[in-house]
Amino acid sequence: NDVAADSYYADAVAWASENGIVKGISETEFAPDAAITREQMAAIIYRYAEYKGVAPTGAWAIRLDYADLTEISDYATEAVMYCKLKNIMVGDENNSFAPRNNATHAEAAAVFERVYKIEK
């Protein structure tokens, strides 16, 4: 495990891992200092929505028409659909989702503000 027990985020990572919200990059590595991609952030948001019971259930899907749709990893496709459905994360002016781009601090702040508003 690469999360130091005395780090300020150790308890949060442990809770999120135990509840299936974060999965790390391998069985033993979380990579707490690595940047997060947009598709990873979408996956975390979707898993949290599932945990909270606010994600769609059963068979559901929406159409993704992003120019870079084929670049979205299989594990993140449903999460990206959820984020688009709820207007949490959307494409850019070129109709790209940019799934493998690192999320900026500004993007993360805006995304989590939108997540907070959905929960209210």
PDB file of N, CA and C in Angstrom:
ATOM      1  N   ASN A   1       0.847  -1.177   0.000  1.00  0.00           N
ATOM      2  CA  ASN A   1       0.000   0.000   0.000  1.00  0.00           C
ATOM      3  C   ASN A   1       0.889   1.236   0.000  1.00  0.00           C
ATOM      4  N   ASP A   2       0.616   2.160  -0.888  1.00  0.00           N
ATOM      5  CA  ASP A   2       1.434   3.362  -1.007  1.00  0.00           C
ATOM      6  C   ASP A   2       0.789   4.599  -0.383  1.00  0.00           C
ATOM      7  N   VAL A   3      -0.207   4.393   0.464  1.00  0.00           N
ATOM      8  CA  VAL A   3      -0.821   5.496   1.204  1.00  0.00           C
ATOM      9  C   VAL A   3      -0.270   5.448   2.623  1.00  0.00           C
ATOM     10  N   ALA A   4       0.501   6.446   2.975  1.00  0.00           N
ATOM     11  CA  ALA A   4       1.102   6.486   4.311  1.00  0.00           C
ATOM     12  C   ALA A   4       0.000   6.564   5.366  1.00  0.00           C
ATOM     13  N   ALA A   5       0.117   5.746   6.378  1.00  0.00           N
ATOM     14  CA  ALA A   5      -0.904   5.691   7.435  1.00  0.00           C
ATOM     15  C   ALA A   5      -1.080   7.020   8.148  1.00  0.00           C
ATOM     16  N   ASP A   6      -0.038   7.831   8.177  1.00  0.00           N
ATOM     17  CA  ASP A   6      -0.141   9.116   8.875  1.00  0.00           C
ATOM     18  C   ASP A   6      -0.479  10.273   7.935  1.00  0.00           C
ATOM     19  N   SER A   7      -0.809   9.992   6.678  1.00  0.00           N
ATOM     20  CA  SER A   7      -1.174  11.066   5.749  1.00  0.00           C
ATOM     21  C   SER A   7      -2.566  11.591   6.094  1.00  0.00           C
ATOM     22  N   TYR A   8      -2.785  12.851   5.778  1.00  0.00           N
ATOM     23  CA  TYR A   8      -4.065  13.479   6.112  1.00  0.00           C
ATOM     24  C   TYR A   8      -5.238  12.844   5.377  1.00  0.00           C
ATOM     25  N   TYR A   9      -4.990  12.139   4.299  1.00  0.00           N
ATOM     26  CA  TYR A   9      -6.057  11.537   3.505  1.00  0.00           C
ATOM     27  C   TYR A   9      -6.177  10.019   3.689  1.00  0.00           C
ATOM     28  N   ALA A  10      -5.396   9.440   4.570  1.00  0.00           N
ATOM     29  CA  ALA A  10      -5.390   7.981   4.728  1.00  0.00           C
ATOM     30  C   ALA A  10      -6.770   7.432   5.097  1.00  0.00           C
ATOM     31  N   ASP A  11      -7.448   8.056   6.045  1.00  0.00           N
ATOM     32  CA  ASP A  11      -8.776   7.572   6.450  1.00  0.00           C
ATOM     33  C   ASP A  11      -9.783   7.706   5.314  1.00  0.00           C
ATOM     34  N   ALA A  12      -9.708   8.805   4.564  1.00  0.00           N
ATOM     35  CA  ALA A  12     -10.637   9.016   3.451  1.00  0.00           C
ATOM     36  C   ALA A  12     -10.409   7.975   2.358  1.00  0.00           C
ATOM     37  N   VAL A  13      -9.153   7.691   2.047  1.00  0.00           N
ATOM     38  CA  VAL A  13      -8.838   6.682   1.028  1.00  0.00           C
ATOM     39  C   VAL A  13      -9.315   5.305   1.496  1.00  0.00           C
ATOM     40  N   ALA A  14      -9.075   4.989   2.750  1.00  0.00           N
ATOM     41  CA  ALA A  14      -9.511   3.694   3.282  1.00  0.00           C
ATOM     42  C   ALA A  14     -11.029   3.556   3.195  1.00  0.00           C
ATOM     43  N   TRP A  15     -11.770   4.597   3.593  1.00  0.00           N
ATOM     44  CA  TRP A  15     -13.236   4.568   3.538  1.00  0.00           C
ATOM     45  C   TRP A  15     -13.706   4.409   2.098  1.00  0.00           C
ATOM     46  N   ALA A  16     -13.152   5.216   1.190  1.00  0.00           N
ATOM     47  CA  ALA A  16     -13.570   5.170  -0.210  1.00  0.00           C
ATOM     48  C   ALA A  16     -13.237   3.818  -0.842  1.00  0.00           C
ATOM     49  N   SER A  17     -12.120   3.243  -0.468  1.00  0.00           N
ATOM     50  CA  SER A  17     -11.744   1.937  -0.985  1.00  0.00           C
ATOM     51  C   SER A  17     -12.667   0.850  -0.447  1.00  0.00           C
ATOM     52  N   GLU A  18     -12.937   0.877   0.840  1.00  0.00           N
ATOM     53  CA  GLU A  18     -13.817  -0.119   1.462  1.00  0.00           C
ATOM     54  C   GLU A  18     -15.231  -0.069   0.890  1.00  0.00           C
ATOM     55  N   ASN A  19     -15.656   1.097   0.422  1.00  0.00           N
ATOM     56  CA  ASN A  19     -17.000   1.264  -0.117  1.00  0.00           C
ATOM     57  C   ASN A  19     -17.044   1.212  -1.642  1.00  0.00           C
ATOM     58  N   GLY A  20     -15.936   0.804  -2.265  1.00  0.00           N
ATOM     59  CA  GLY A  20     -15.912   0.604  -3.702  1.00  0.00           C
ATOM     60  C   GLY A  20     -15.927   1.869  -4.536  1.00  0.00           C
ATOM     61  N   ILE A  21     -15.628   2.999  -3.941  1.00  0.00           N
ATOM     62  CA  ILE A  21     -15.666   4.265  -4.665  1.00  0.00           C
ATOM     63  C   ILE A  21     -14.356   4.515  -5.398  1.00  0.00           C
ATOM     64  N   VAL A  22     -13.247   4.182  -4.772  1.00  0.00           N
ATOM     65  CA  VAL A  22     -11.945   4.245  -5.441  1.00  0.00           C
ATOM     66  C   VAL A  22     -11.365   2.845  -5.474  1.00  0.00           C
ATOM     67  N   LYS A  23     -10.593   2.590  -6.517  1.00  0.00           N
ATOM     68  CA  LYS A  23     -10.031   1.256  -6.667  1.00  0.00           C
ATOM     69  C   LYS A  23      -8.526   1.266  -6.798  1.00  0.00           C
ATOM     70  N   GLY A  24      -7.915   2.435  -6.895  1.00  0.00           N
ATOM     71  CA  GLY A  24      -6.479   2.491  -7.061  1.00  0.00           C
ATOM     72  C   GLY A  24      -6.078   2.071  -8.462  1.00  0.00           C
ATOM     73  N   ILE A  25      -4.778   2.024  -8.694  1.00  0.00           N
ATOM     74  CA  ILE A  25      -4.309   1.657 -10.032  1.00  0.00           C
ATOM     75  C   ILE A  25      -3.873   0.198 -10.104  1.00  0.00           C
ATOM     76  N   SER A  26      -3.823  -0.469  -8.953  1.00  0.00           N
ATOM     77  CA  SER A  26      -3.556  -1.907  -8.899  1.00  0.00           C
ATOM     78  C   SER A  26      -4.072  -2.416  -7.554  1.00  0.00           C
ATOM     79  N   GLU A  27      -3.855  -3.681  -7.302  1.00  0.00           N
ATOM     80  CA  GLU A  27      -4.308  -4.265  -6.030  1.00  0.00           C
ATOM     81  C   GLU A  27      -3.609  -3.656  -4.817  1.00  0.00           C
ATOM     82  N   THR A  28      -2.392  -3.170  -5.011  1.00  0.00           N
ATOM     83  CA  THR A  28      -1.604  -2.669  -3.881  1.00  0.00           C
ATOM     84  C   THR A  28      -1.160  -1.214  -4.036  1.00  0.00           C
ATOM     85  N   GLU A  29      -1.545  -0.581  -5.105  1.00  0.00           N
ATOM     86  CA  GLU A  29      -1.073   0.782  -5.349  1.00  0.00           C
ATOM     87  C   GLU A  29      -2.237   1.729  -5.606  1.00  0.00           C
ATOM     88  N   PHE A  30      -2.263   2.828  -4.852  1.00  0.00           N
ATOM     89  CA  PHE A  30      -3.283   3.849  -5.006  1.00  0.00           C
ATOM     90  C   PHE A  30      -2.760   5.047  -5.795  1.00  0.00           C
ATOM     91  N   ALA A  31      -1.475   5.316  -5.735  1.00  0.00           N
ATOM     92  CA  ALA A  31      -0.834   6.444  -6.423  1.00  0.00           C
ATOM     93  C   ALA A  31      -1.426   7.784  -5.994  1.00  0.00           C
ATOM     94  N   PRO A  32      -1.358   8.099  -4.701  1.00  0.00           N
ATOM     95  CA  PRO A  32      -2.001   9.317  -4.195  1.00  0.00           C
ATOM     96  C   PRO A  32      -1.425  10.612  -4.751  1.00  0.00           C
ATOM     97  N   ASP A  33      -0.207  10.583  -5.260  1.00  0.00           N
ATOM     98  CA  ASP A  33       0.403  11.807  -5.784  1.00  0.00           C
ATOM     99  C   ASP A  33       0.263  11.945  -7.294  1.00  0.00           C
ATOM    100  N   ALA A  34      -0.345  10.968  -7.932  1.00  0.00           N
ATOM    101  CA  ALA A  34      -0.522  11.016  -9.383  1.00  0.00           C
ATOM    102  C   ALA A  34      -1.694  11.925  -9.731  1.00  0.00           C
ATOM    103  N   ALA A  35      -1.622  12.518 -10.913  1.00  0.00           N
ATOM    104  CA  ALA A  35      -2.742  13.316 -11.413  1.00  0.00           C
ATOM    105  C   ALA A  35      -3.911  12.380 -11.721  1.00  0.00           C
ATOM    106  N   ILE A  36      -5.115  12.911 -11.716  1.00  0.00           N
ATOM    107  CA  ILE A  36      -6.302  12.122 -12.015  1.00  0.00           C
ATOM    108  C   ILE A  36      -6.820  12.508 -13.392  1.00  0.00           C
ATOM    109  N   THR A  37      -7.177  11.508 -14.183  1.00  0.00           N
ATOM    110  CA  THR A  37      -7.713  11.798 -15.509  1.00  0.00           C
ATOM    111  C   THR A  37      -9.200  12.102 -15.397  1.00  0.00           C
ATOM    112  N   ARG A  38      -9.719  12.673 -16.461  1.00  0.00           N
ATOM    113  CA  ARG A  38     -11.146  13.016 -16.478  1.00  0.00           C
ATOM    114  C   ARG A  38     -12.014  11.763 -16.390  1.00  0.00           C
ATOM    115  N   GLU A  39     -11.608  10.666 -17.048  1.00  0.00           N
ATOM    116  CA  GLU A  39     -12.419   9.454 -16.966  1.00  0.00           C
ATOM    117  C   GLU A  39     -12.312   8.808 -15.583  1.00  0.00           C
ATOM    118  N   GLN A  40     -11.167   8.911 -14.937  1.00  0.00           N
ATOM    119  CA  GLN A  40     -11.045   8.404 -13.566  1.00  0.00           C
ATOM    120  C   GLN A  40     -11.947   9.199 -12.626  1.00  0.00           C
ATOM    121  N   MET A  41     -11.970  10.515 -12.799  1.00  0.00           N
ATOM    122  CA  MET A  41     -12.824  11.342 -11.962  1.00  0.00           C
ATOM    123  C   MET A  41     -14.292  11.000 -12.193  1.00  0.00           C
ATOM    124  N   ALA A  42     -14.677  10.791 -13.446  1.00  0.00           N
ATOM    125  CA  ALA A  42     -16.056  10.400 -13.755  1.00  0.00           C
ATOM    126  C   ALA A  42     -16.407   9.080 -13.072  1.00  0.00           C
ATOM    127  N   ALA A  43     -15.479   8.117 -13.109  1.00  0.00           N
ATOM    128  CA  ALA A  43     -15.726   6.816 -12.485  1.00  0.00           C
ATOM    129  C   ALA A  43     -15.923   6.952 -10.977  1.00  0.00           C
ATOM    130  N   ILE A  44     -15.115   7.773 -10.339  1.00  0.00           N
ATOM    131  CA  ILE A  44     -15.243   7.983  -8.893  1.00  0.00           C
ATOM    132  C   ILE A  44     -16.583   8.627  -8.572  1.00  0.00           C
ATOM    133  N   ILE A  45     -16.979   9.607  -9.342  1.00  0.00           N
ATOM    134  CA  ILE A  45     -18.264  10.284  -9.117  1.00  0.00           C
ATOM    135  C   ILE A  45     -19.411   9.302  -9.283  1.00  0.00           C
ATOM    136  N   TYR A  46     -19.354   8.481 -10.329  1.00  0.00           N
ATOM    137  CA  TYR A  46     -20.426   7.520 -10.568  1.00  0.00           C
ATOM    138  C   TYR A  46     -20.504   6.474  -9.463  1.00  0.00           C
ATOM    139  N   ARG A  47     -19.359   5.971  -9.022  1.00  0.00           N
ATOM    140  CA  ARG A  47     -19.366   4.992  -7.924  1.00  0.00           C
ATOM    141  C   ARG A  47     -19.923   5.610  -6.646  1.00  0.00           C
ATOM    142  N   TYR A  48     -19.614   6.874  -6.415  1.00  0.00           N
ATOM    143  CA  TYR A  48     -20.167   7.562  -5.239  1.00  0.00           C
ATOM    144  C   TYR A  48     -21.682   7.709  -5.387  1.00  0.00           C
ATOM    145  N   ALA A  49     -22.157   8.033  -6.576  1.00  0.00           N
ATOM    146  CA  ALA A  49     -23.603   8.137  -6.811  1.00  0.00           C
ATOM    147  C   ALA A  49     -24.280   6.791  -6.569  1.00  0.00           C
ATOM    148  N   GLU A  50     -23.629   5.709  -6.991  1.00  0.00           N
ATOM    149  CA  GLU A  50     -24.170   4.374  -6.713  1.00  0.00           C
ATOM    150  C   GLU A  50     -24.217   4.125  -5.209  1.00  0.00           C
ATOM    151  N   TYR A  51     -23.144   4.469  -4.513  1.00  0.00           N
ATOM    152  CA  TYR A  51     -23.073   4.292  -3.065  1.00  0.00           C
ATOM    153  C   TYR A  51     -24.204   5.054  -2.373  1.00  0.00           C
ATOM    154  N   LYS A  52     -24.458   6.283  -2.834  1.00  0.00           N
ATOM    155  CA  LYS A  52     -25.499   7.119  -2.234  1.00  0.00           C
ATOM    156  C   LYS A  52     -26.901   6.722  -2.684  1.00  0.00           C
ATOM    157  N   GLY A  53     -27.005   5.840  -3.669  1.00  0.00           N
ATOM    158  CA  GLY A  53     -28.318   5.411  -4.157  1.00  0.00           C
ATOM    159  C   GLY A  53     -28.982   6.409  -5.082  1.00  0.00           C
ATOM    160  N   VAL A  54     -28.199   7.295  -5.713  1.00  0.00           N
ATOM    161  CA  VAL A  54     -28.782   8.287  -6.615  1.00  0.00           C
ATOM    162  C   VAL A  54     -28.450   8.022  -8.079  1.00  0.00           C
ATOM    163  N   ALA A  55     -27.713   6.959  -8.359  1.00  0.00           N
ATOM    164  CA  ALA A  55     -27.382   6.606  -9.742  1.00  0.00           C
ATOM    165  C   ALA A  55     -28.532   5.803 -10.345  1.00  0.00           C
ATOM    166  N   PRO A  56     -28.686   5.860 -11.667  1.00  0.00           N
ATOM    167  CA  PRO A  56     -29.715   5.039 -12.309  1.00  0.00           C
ATOM    168  C   PRO A  56     -29.472   3.553 -12.025  1.00  0.00           C
ATOM    169  N   THR A  57     -30.542   2.797 -11.962  1.00  0.00           N
ATOM    170  CA  THR A  57     -30.419   1.359 -11.741  1.00  0.00           C
ATOM    171  C   THR A  57     -31.038   0.614 -12.914  1.00  0.00           C
ATOM    172  N   GLY A  58     -30.761  -0.661 -12.983  1.00  0.00           N
ATOM    173  CA  GLY A  58     -31.294  -1.461 -14.076  1.00  0.00           C
ATOM    174  C   GLY A  58     -30.588  -1.138 -15.376  1.00  0.00           C
ATOM    175  N   ALA A  59     -31.202  -1.516 -16.465  1.00  0.00           N
ATOM    176  CA  ALA A  59     -30.620  -1.250 -17.783  1.00  0.00           C
ATOM    177  C   ALA A  59     -30.908   0.198 -18.163  1.00  0.00           C
ATOM    178  N   TRP A  60     -29.877   0.943 -18.402  1.00  0.00           N
ATOM    179  CA  TRP A  60     -30.029   2.336 -18.816  1.00  0.00           C
ATOM    180  C   TRP A  60     -28.802   2.735 -19.623  1.00  0.00           C
ATOM    181  N   ALA A  61     -28.947   3.698 -20.438  1.00  0.00           N
ATOM    182  CA  ALA A  61     -27.826   4.249 -21.204  1.00  0.00           C
ATOM    183  C   ALA A  61     -28.294   5.534 -21.862  1.00  0.00           C
ATOM    184  N   ILE A  62     -27.356   6.410 -22.127  1.00  0.00           N
ATOM    185  CA  ILE A  62     -27.628   7.574 -22.953  1.00  0.00           C
ATOM    186  C   ILE A  62     -26.597   7.565 -24.067  1.00  0.00           C
ATOM    187  N   ARG A  63     -26.898   8.261 -25.110  1.00  0.00           N
ATOM    188  CA  ARG A  63     -25.995   8.298 -26.254  1.00  0.00           C
ATOM    189  C   ARG A  63     -24.850   9.263 -25.966  1.00  0.00           C
ATOM    190  N   LEU A  64     -23.648   8.781 -26.174  1.00  0.00           N
ATOM    191  CA  LEU A  64     -22.468   9.635 -26.100  1.00  0.00           C
ATOM    192  C   LEU A  64     -22.030   9.911 -27.534  1.00  0.00           C
ATOM    193  N   ASP A  65     -21.943  11.170 -27.875  1.00  0.00           N
ATOM    194  CA  ASP A  65     -21.567  11.526 -29.239  1.00  0.00           C
ATOM    195  C   ASP A  65     -20.270  12.326 -29.284  1.00  0.00           C
ATOM    196  N   TYR A  66     -19.421  12.114 -28.297  1.00  0.00           N
ATOM    197  CA  TYR A  66     -18.156  12.829 -28.258  1.00  0.00           C
ATOM    198  C   TYR A  66     -17.274  12.421 -29.438  1.00  0.00           C
ATOM    199  N   ALA A  67     -16.529  13.373 -29.968  1.00  0.00           N
ATOM    200  CA  ALA A  67     -15.624  13.112 -31.082  1.00  0.00           C
ATOM    201  C   ALA A  67     -14.556  12.081 -30.714  1.00  0.00           C
ATOM    202  N   ASP A  68     -14.206  12.021 -29.443  1.00  0.00           N
ATOM    203  CA  ASP A  68     -13.176  11.078 -28.983  1.00  0.00           C
ATOM    204  C   ASP A  68     -13.770   9.922 -28.176  1.00  0.00           C
ATOM    205  N   LEU A  69     -14.972   9.545 -28.517  1.00  0.00           N
ATOM    206  CA  LEU A  69     -15.694   8.472 -27.812  1.00  0.00           C
ATOM    207  C   LEU A  69     -14.876   7.196 -27.706  1.00  0.00           C
ATOM    208  N   THR A  70     -14.152   6.836 -28.743  1.00  0.00           N
ATOM    209  CA  THR A  70     -13.391   5.581 -28.737  1.00  0.00           C
ATOM    210  C   THR A  70     -12.216   5.622 -27.761  1.00  0.00           C
ATOM    211  N   GLU A  71     -11.860   6.786 -27.263  1.00  0.00           N
ATOM    212  CA  GLU A  71     -10.765   6.908 -26.310  1.00  0.00           C
ATOM    213  C   GLU A  71     -11.219   6.685 -24.862  1.00  0.00           C
ATOM    214  N   ILE A  72     -12.525   6.648 -24.622  1.00  0.00           N
ATOM    215  CA  ILE A  72     -13.041   6.427 -23.272  1.00  0.00           C
ATOM    216  C   ILE A  72     -12.890   4.943 -22.937  1.00  0.00           C
ATOM    217  N   SER A  73     -12.223   4.643 -21.832  1.00  0.00           N
ATOM    218  CA  SER A  73     -12.016   3.254 -21.412  1.00  0.00           C
ATOM    219  C   SER A  73     -13.343   2.583 -21.097  1.00  0.00           C
ATOM    220  N   ASP A  74     -13.407   1.274 -21.326  1.00  0.00           N
ATOM    221  CA  ASP A  74     -14.632   0.523 -21.058  1.00  0.00           C
ATOM    222  C   ASP A  74     -15.116   0.713 -19.628  1.00  0.00           C
ATOM    223  N   TYR A  75     -14.189   0.698 -18.663  1.00  0.00           N
ATOM    224  CA  TYR A  75     -14.601   0.813 -17.264  1.00  0.00           C
ATOM    225  C   TYR A  75     -15.262   2.151 -16.968  1.00  0.00           C
ATOM    226  N   ALA A  76     -14.997   3.161 -17.786  1.00  0.00           N
ATOM    227  CA  ALA A  76     -15.492   4.508 -17.500  1.00  0.00           C
ATOM    228  C   ALA A  76     -16.695   4.920 -18.343  1.00  0.00           C
ATOM    229  N   THR A  77     -17.077   4.121 -19.317  1.00  0.00           N
ATOM    230  CA  THR A  77     -18.133   4.532 -20.240  1.00  0.00           C
ATOM    231  C   THR A  77     -19.441   4.852 -19.526  1.00  0.00           C
ATOM    232  N   GLU A  78     -19.898   3.960 -18.662  1.00  0.00           N
ATOM    233  CA  GLU A  78     -21.151   4.206 -17.950  1.00  0.00           C
ATOM    234  C   GLU A  78     -21.023   5.434 -17.040  1.00  0.00           C
ATOM    235  N   ALA A  79     -19.866   5.614 -16.449  1.00  0.00           N
ATOM    236  CA  ALA A  79     -19.629   6.775 -15.591  1.00  0.00           C
ATOM    237  C   ALA A  79     -19.686   8.065 -16.386  1.00  0.00           C
ATOM    238  N   VAL A  80     -19.101   8.066 -17.577  1.00  0.00           N
ATOM    239  CA  VAL A  80     -19.149   9.258 -18.427  1.00  0.00           C
ATOM    240  C   VAL A  80     -20.597   9.538 -18.839  1.00  0.00           C
ATOM    241  N   MET A  81     -21.362   8.473 -19.123  1.00  0.00           N
ATOM    242  CA  MET A  81     -22.785   8.651 -19.438  1.00  0.00           C
ATOM    243  C   MET A  81     -23.509   9.321 -18.271  1.00  0.00           C
ATOM    244  N   TYR A  82     -23.266   8.836 -17.069  1.00  0.00           N
ATOM    245  CA  TYR A  82     -23.914   9.407 -15.888  1.00  0.00           C
ATOM    246  C   TYR A  82     -23.535  10.878 -15.715  1.00  0.00           C
ATOM    247  N   CYS A  83     -22.261  11.181 -15.870  1.00  0.00           N
ATOM    248  CA  CYS A  83     -21.807  12.561 -15.694  1.00  0.00           C
ATOM    249  C   CYS A  83     -22.394  13.482 -16.754  1.00  0.00           C
ATOM    250  N   LYS A  84     -22.573  12.974 -17.972  1.00  0.00           N
ATOM    251  CA  LYS A  84     -23.222  13.777 -19.013  1.00  0.00           C
ATOM    252  C   LYS A  84     -24.709  13.935 -18.709  1.00  0.00           C
ATOM    253  N   LEU A  85     -25.357  12.845 -18.320  1.00  0.00           N
ATOM    254  CA  LEU A  85     -26.784  12.872 -18.001  1.00  0.00           C
ATOM    255  C   LEU A  85     -27.093  13.916 -16.929  1.00  0.00           C
ATOM    256  N   LYS A  86     -26.246  13.986 -15.916  1.00  0.00           N
ATOM    257  CA  LYS A  86     -26.466  14.901 -14.797  1.00  0.00           C
ATOM    258  C   LYS A  86     -25.788  16.259 -14.989  1.00  0.00           C
ATOM    259  N   ASN A  87     -25.175  16.452 -16.162  1.00  0.00           N
ATOM    260  CA  ASN A  87     -24.477  17.699 -16.476  1.00  0.00           C
ATOM    261  C   ASN A  87     -23.352  17.998 -15.482  1.00  0.00           C
ATOM    262  N   ILE A  88     -22.724  16.945 -15.002  1.00  0.00           N
ATOM    263  CA  ILE A  88     -21.606  17.087 -14.064  1.00  0.00           C
ATOM    264  C   ILE A  88     -20.308  17.306 -14.830  1.00  0.00           C
ATOM    265  N   MET A  89     -20.117  16.523 -15.873  1.00  0.00           N
ATOM    266  CA  MET A  89     -18.955  16.652 -16.751  1.00  0.00           C
ATOM    267  C   MET A  89     -19.462  16.524 -18.177  1.00  0.00           C
ATOM    268  N   VAL A  90     -19.072  17.454 -19.017  1.00  0.00           N
ATOM    269  CA  VAL A  90     -19.503  17.425 -20.414  1.00  0.00           C
ATOM    270  C   VAL A  90     -18.289  17.654 -21.307  1.00  0.00           C
ATOM    271  N   GLY A  91     -18.518  17.592 -22.592  1.00  0.00           N
ATOM    272  CA  GLY A  91     -17.442  17.804 -23.542  1.00  0.00           C
ATOM    273  C   GLY A  91     -17.031  19.260 -23.645  1.00  0.00           C
ATOM    274  N   ASP A  92     -15.959  19.465 -24.394  1.00  0.00           N
ATOM    275  CA  ASP A  92     -15.454  20.822 -24.592  1.00  0.00           C
ATOM    276  C   ASP A  92     -16.036  21.432 -25.867  1.00  0.00           C
ATOM    277  N   GLU A  93     -15.513  22.584 -26.252  1.00  0.00           N
ATOM    278  CA  GLU A  93     -16.033  23.285 -27.429  1.00  0.00           C
ATOM    279  C   GLU A  93     -15.798  22.516 -28.724  1.00  0.00           C
ATOM    280  N   ASN A  94     -14.928  21.536 -28.714  1.00  0.00           N
ATOM    281  CA  ASN A  94     -14.678  20.690 -29.891  1.00  0.00           C
ATOM    282  C   ASN A  94     -15.454  19.376 -29.822  1.00  0.00           C
ATOM    283  N   ASN A  95     -16.391  19.280 -28.900  1.00  0.00           N
ATOM    284  CA  ASN A  95     -17.183  18.074 -28.666  1.00  0.00           C
ATOM    285  C   ASN A  95     -16.302  16.878 -28.313  1.00  0.00           C
ATOM    286  N   SER A  96     -15.275  17.121 -27.536  1.00  0.00           N
ATOM    287  CA  SER A  96     -14.399  16.059 -27.038  1.00  0.00           C
ATOM    288  C   SER A  96     -14.566  15.954 -25.534  1.00  0.00           C
ATOM    289  N   PHE A  97     -14.536  14.731 -25.024  1.00  0.00           N
ATOM    290  CA  PHE A  97     -14.575  14.539 -23.576  1.00  0.00           C
ATOM    291  C   PHE A  97     -13.168  14.586 -22.986  1.00  0.00           C
ATOM    292  N   ALA A  98     -12.172  14.268 -23.784  1.00  0.00           N
ATOM    293  CA  ALA A  98     -10.768  14.257 -23.342  1.00  0.00           C
ATOM    294  C   ALA A  98     -10.586  13.352 -22.123  1.00  0.00           C
ATOM    295  N   PRO A  99     -10.968  12.068 -22.245  1.00  0.00           N
ATOM    296  CA  PRO A  99     -10.988  11.169 -21.099  1.00  0.00           C
ATOM    297  C   PRO A  99      -9.641  10.932 -20.431  1.00  0.00           C
ATOM    298  N   ARG A 100      -8.583  10.981 -21.198  1.00  0.00           N
ATOM    299  CA  ARG A 100      -7.266  10.670 -20.637  1.00  0.00           C
ATOM    300  C   ARG A 100      -6.486  11.919 -20.237  1.00  0.00           C
ATOM    301  N   ASN A 101      -7.091  13.093 -20.463  1.00  0.00           N
ATOM    302  CA  ASN A 101      -6.449  14.327 -20.013  1.00  0.00           C
ATOM    303  C   ASN A 101      -6.556  14.429 -18.504  1.00  0.00           C
ATOM    304  N   ASN A 102      -5.555  14.993 -17.894  1.00  0.00           N
ATOM    305  CA  ASN A 102      -5.615  15.212 -16.451  1.00  0.00           C
ATOM    306  C   ASN A 102      -6.626  16.298 -16.137  1.00  0.00           C
ATOM    307  N   ALA A 103      -7.379  16.089 -15.095  1.00  0.00           N
ATOM    308  CA  ALA A 103      -8.335  17.099 -14.644  1.00  0.00           C
ATOM    309  C   ALA A 103      -7.557  18.221 -13.966  1.00  0.00           C
ATOM    310  N   THR A 104      -7.916  19.437 -14.284  1.00  0.00           N
ATOM    311  CA  THR A 104      -7.276  20.578 -13.637  1.00  0.00           C
ATOM    312  C   THR A 104      -7.943  20.835 -12.291  1.00  0.00           C
ATOM    313  N   HIS A 105      -7.297  21.638 -11.465  1.00  0.00           N
ATOM    314  CA  HIS A 105      -7.909  22.009 -10.182  1.00  0.00           C
ATOM    315  C   HIS A 105      -9.231  22.724 -10.415  1.00  0.00           C
ATOM    316  N   ALA A 106      -9.272  23.603 -11.395  1.00  0.00           N
ATOM    317  CA  ALA A 106     -10.510  24.338 -11.684  1.00  0.00           C
ATOM    318  C   ALA A 106     -11.628  23.393 -12.120  1.00  0.00           C
ATOM    319  N   GLU A 107     -11.300  22.419 -12.982  1.00  0.00           N
ATOM    320  CA  GLU A 107     -12.310  21.441 -13.399  1.00  0.00           C
ATOM    321  C   GLU A 107     -12.818  20.643 -12.209  1.00  0.00           C
ATOM    322  N   ALA A 108     -11.898  20.175 -11.386  1.00  0.00           N
ATOM    323  CA  ALA A 108     -12.292  19.377 -10.220  1.00  0.00           C
ATOM    324  C   ALA A 108     -13.193  20.189  -9.296  1.00  0.00           C
ATOM    325  N   ALA A 109     -12.859  21.433  -9.066  1.00  0.00           N
ATOM    326  CA  ALA A 109     -13.692  22.277  -8.198  1.00  0.00           C
ATOM    327  C   ALA A 109     -15.086  22.439  -8.780  1.00  0.00           C
ATOM    328  N   ALA A 110     -15.180  22.700 -10.084  1.00  0.00           N
ATOM    329  CA  ALA A 110     -16.483  22.861 -10.720  1.00  0.00           C
ATOM    330  C   ALA A 110     -17.286  21.567 -10.682  1.00  0.00           C
ATOM    331  N   VAL A 111     -16.611  20.452 -10.934  1.00  0.00           N
ATOM    332  CA  VAL A 111     -17.284  19.149 -10.928  1.00  0.00           C
ATOM    333  C   VAL A 111     -17.852  18.847  -9.538  1.00  0.00           C
ATOM    334  N   PHE A 112     -17.048  19.028  -8.519  1.00  0.00           N
ATOM    335  CA  PHE A 112     -17.529  18.694  -7.180  1.00  0.00           C
ATOM    336  C   PHE A 112     -18.592  19.667  -6.681  1.00  0.00           C
ATOM    337  N   GLU A 113     -18.584  20.894  -7.183  1.00  0.00           N
ATOM    338  CA  GLU A 113     -19.680  21.815  -6.863  1.00  0.00           C
ATOM    339  C   GLU A 113     -20.981  21.290  -7.479  1.00  0.00           C
ATOM    340  N   ARG A 114     -20.912  20.781  -8.710  1.00  0.00           N
ATOM    341  CA  ARG A 114     -22.103  20.219  -9.365  1.00  0.00           C
ATOM    342  C   ARG A 114     -22.577  18.963  -8.657  1.00  0.00           C
ATOM    343  N   VAL A 115     -21.654  18.115  -8.217  1.00  0.00           N
ATOM    344  CA  VAL A 115     -22.020  16.903  -7.472  1.00  0.00           C
ATOM    345  C   VAL A 115     -22.731  17.297  -6.179  1.00  0.00           C
ATOM    346  N   TYR A 116     -22.217  18.291  -5.495  1.00  0.00           N
ATOM    347  CA  TYR A 116     -22.818  18.758  -4.238  1.00  0.00           C
ATOM    348  C   TYR A 116     -24.244  19.237  -4.468  1.00  0.00           C
ATOM    349  N   LYS A 117     -24.476  19.957  -5.563  1.00  0.00           N
ATOM    350  CA  LYS A 117     -25.820  20.465  -5.853  1.00  0.00           C
ATOM    351  C   LYS A 117     -26.798  19.345  -6.165  1.00  0.00           C
ATOM    352  N   ILE A 118     -26.327  18.270  -6.796  1.00  0.00           N
ATOM    353  CA  ILE A 118     -27.200  17.129  -7.095  1.00  0.00           C
ATOM    354  C   ILE A 118     -27.638  16.445  -5.824  1.00  0.00           C
ATOM    355  N   GLU A 119     -26.757  16.377  -4.846  1.00  0.00           N
ATOM    356  CA  GLU A 119     -27.059  15.672  -3.605  1.00  0.00           C
ATOM    357  C   GLU A 119     -28.063  16.417  -2.743  1.00  0.00           C
ATOM    358  N   LYS A 120     -28.189  17.705  -2.936  1.00  0.00           N
ATOM    359  CA  LYS A 120     -29.080  18.503  -2.084  1.00  0.00           C
ATOM    360  C   LYS A 120     -30.529  18.260  -2.422  1.00  0.00           C
TER     361      LYS A 120
END
